[in-house]
C-alpha atoms as a PDB file:
ATOM      1  CA  MET A   1     -20.329  -2.808 -11.878  1.00  0.00           C
ATOM      2  CA  THR A   2     -21.145  -0.458  -9.161  1.00  0.00           C
ATOM      3  CA  GLN A   3     -18.193  -0.434  -6.263  1.00  0.00           C
ATOM      4  CA  VAL A   4     -19.927  -0.894  -3.312  1.00  0.00           C
ATOM      5  CA  VAL A   5     -18.438   1.555  -0.240  1.00  0.00           C
ATOM      6  CA  ALA A   6     -18.560  -0.861   2.834  1.00  0.00           C
ATOM      7  CA  SER A   7     -19.538   1.032   6.376  1.00  0.00           C
ATOM      8  CA  PRO A   8     -16.503   1.960   8.891  1.00  0.00           C
ATOM      9  CA  CYS A   9     -18.510   0.705  11.732  1.00  0.00           C
ATOM     10  CA  VAL A  10     -16.730  -1.425  14.224  1.00  0.00           C
ATOM     11  CA  ASN A  11     -19.272  -2.104  15.975  1.00  0.00           C
ATOM     12  CA  ILE A  12     -18.598   0.330  18.855  1.00  0.00           C
ATOM     13  CA  CYS A  13     -21.835   2.206  18.561  1.00  0.00           C
ATOM     14  CA  GLN A  14     -21.647   5.312  21.546  1.00  0.00           C
ATOM     15  CA  MET A  15     -21.670   8.816  21.000  1.00  0.00           C
ATOM     16  CA  ASP A  16     -18.897  11.284  22.355  1.00  0.00           C
ATOM     17  CA  ASP A  17     -21.152  14.211  23.664  1.00  0.00           C
ATOM     18  CA  GLN A  18     -17.723  16.255  23.868  1.00  0.00           C
ATOM     19  CA  ILE A  19     -17.010  16.026  20.315  1.00  0.00           C
ATOM     20  CA  GLY A  20     -20.302  14.555  18.488  1.00  0.00           C
ATOM     21  CA  LEU A  21     -18.908  11.435  16.825  1.00  0.00           C
ATOM     22  CA  CYS A  22     -19.158   7.948  17.488  1.00  0.00           C
ATOM     23  CA  ILE A  23     -15.691   6.730  19.547  1.00  0.00           C
ATOM     24  CA  GLY A  24     -15.559   3.934  17.615  1.00  0.00           C
ATOM     25  CA  CYS A  25     -16.293   4.974  13.448  1.00  0.00           C
ATOM     26  CA  PHE A  26     -15.668   8.788  14.092  1.00  0.00           C
ATOM     27  CA  ARG A  27     -18.636   9.362  11.996  1.00  0.00           C
ATOM     28  CA  THR A  28     -21.636  12.200  13.152  1.00  0.00           C
ATOM     29  CA  ILE A  29     -25.081  11.005  14.139  1.00  0.00           C
ATOM     30  CA  GLU A  30     -26.210  12.056  10.637  1.00  0.00           C
ATOM     31  CA  GLU A  31     -23.350  10.108   8.646  1.00  0.00           C
ATOM     32  CA  ILE A  32     -24.873   7.178  10.592  1.00  0.00           C
ATOM     33  CA  ALA A  33     -28.489   7.869  10.137  1.00  0.00           C
ATOM     34  CA  PHE A  34     -28.132   8.580   6.393  1.00  0.00           C
ATOM     35  CA  TRP A  35     -25.277   6.221   5.349  1.00  0.00           C
ATOM     36  CA  SER A  36     -27.950   3.890   3.746  1.00  0.00           C
ATOM     37  CA  ARG A  37     -29.217   6.422   1.645  1.00  0.00           C
ATOM     38  CA  LEU A  38     -25.628   7.873   0.897  1.00  0.00           C
ATOM     39  CA  SER A  39     -24.618   7.143  -2.799  1.00  0.00           C
ATOM     40  CA  SER A  40     -20.763   5.714  -3.087  1.00  0.00           C
ATOM     41  CA  ASP A  41     -19.686   9.363  -4.123  1.00  0.00           C
ATOM     42  CA  GLN A  42     -20.848  10.451  -0.740  1.00  0.00           C
ATOM     43  CA  ARG A  43     -20.269   7.831   1.387  1.00  0.00           C
ATOM     44  CA  LEU A  44     -16.230   8.563   0.143  1.00  0.00           C
ATOM     45  CA  LYS A  45     -16.902  11.909   1.252  1.00  0.00           C
ATOM     46  CA  VAL A  46     -17.747  10.658   4.332  1.00  0.00           C
ATOM     47  CA  LEU A  47     -14.675   8.045   4.960  1.00  0.00           C
ATOM     48  CA  GLN A  48     -12.210  10.912   4.077  1.00  0.00           C
ATOM     49  CA  ALA A  49     -13.683  12.844   6.584  1.00  0.00           C
ATOM     50  CA  VAL A  50     -13.900   9.794   9.111  1.00  0.00           C
ATOM     51  CA  GLU A  51     -10.143   9.241   8.538  1.00  0.00           C
ATOM     52  CA  ARG A  52      -9.358  13.071   8.978  1.00  0.00           C
ATOM     53  CA  ARG A  53     -11.212  13.029  12.149  1.00  0.00           C
ATOM     54  CA  ARG A  54      -9.371   9.871  13.223  1.00  0.00           C
ATOM     55  CA  ALA A  55      -5.975  11.140  12.808  1.00  0.00           C
ATOM     56  CA  GLU A  56      -7.250  14.415  15.019  1.00  0.00           C
ATOM     57  CA  HIS A  57      -8.671  12.564  17.687  1.00  0.00           C
ATOM     58  CA  ASP A  58      -7.282   8.706  17.817  1.00  0.00           C
ATOM     59  CA  PRO A  59      -4.052   9.353  16.217  1.00  0.00           C
ATOM     60  CA  ASN A  60      -2.222   6.247  18.382  1.00  0.00           C
ATOM     61  CA  GLY A  61      -5.503   4.061  17.511  1.00  0.00           C
ATOM     62  CA  CYS A  62      -7.236   3.406  20.921  1.00  0.00           C
ATOM     63  CA  SER A  63     -10.756   3.642  19.642  1.00  0.00           C
ATOM     64  CA  THR A  64     -10.974   0.215  18.144  1.00  0.00           C
ATOM     65  CA  GLY A  65     -10.895  -1.051  21.988  1.00  0.00           C
ATOM     66  CA  GLY A  66     -13.613   1.162  23.066  1.00  0.00           C
ATOM     67  CA  GLU A  67     -11.331   3.945  24.389  1.00  0.00           C
ATOM     68  CA  LEU A  68     -10.524   7.322  22.818  1.00  0.00           C
ATOM     69  CA  ARG A  69      -6.860   8.596  23.134  1.00  0.00           C
ATOM     70  CA  GLY A  70      -7.451  10.230  26.683  1.00  0.00           C
ATOM     71  CA  GLU A  71      -8.069   6.720  28.196  1.00  0.00           C
ATOM     72  CA  CYS A  72      -5.118   4.948  26.141  1.00  0.00           C
ATOM     73  CA  GLU A  73      -2.389   7.449  26.979  1.00  0.00           C
ATOM     74  CA  ARG A  74      -3.099   7.183  30.990  1.00  0.00           C
ATOM     75  CA  GLU A  75      -2.992   2.715  30.500  1.00  0.00           C
ATOM     76  CA  GLY A  76       0.191   3.259  28.589  1.00  0.00           C
END
């Protein structure tokens, strides 16, 4: 049985031009565009990259509210 790797999309679809990533899922536009055609192994590699990017760009988890770290820090 083949394991299905779910998309990291959280329905906050907005590209950040400065970092070149979606502020919701931390994927590049290419990763988003090709997701449905990637193998499970390729998807897992993208998910690993997403986790590294999330740790680098949003360690406080503010992106789930649609904001990057800088906005979250200003509110707190």
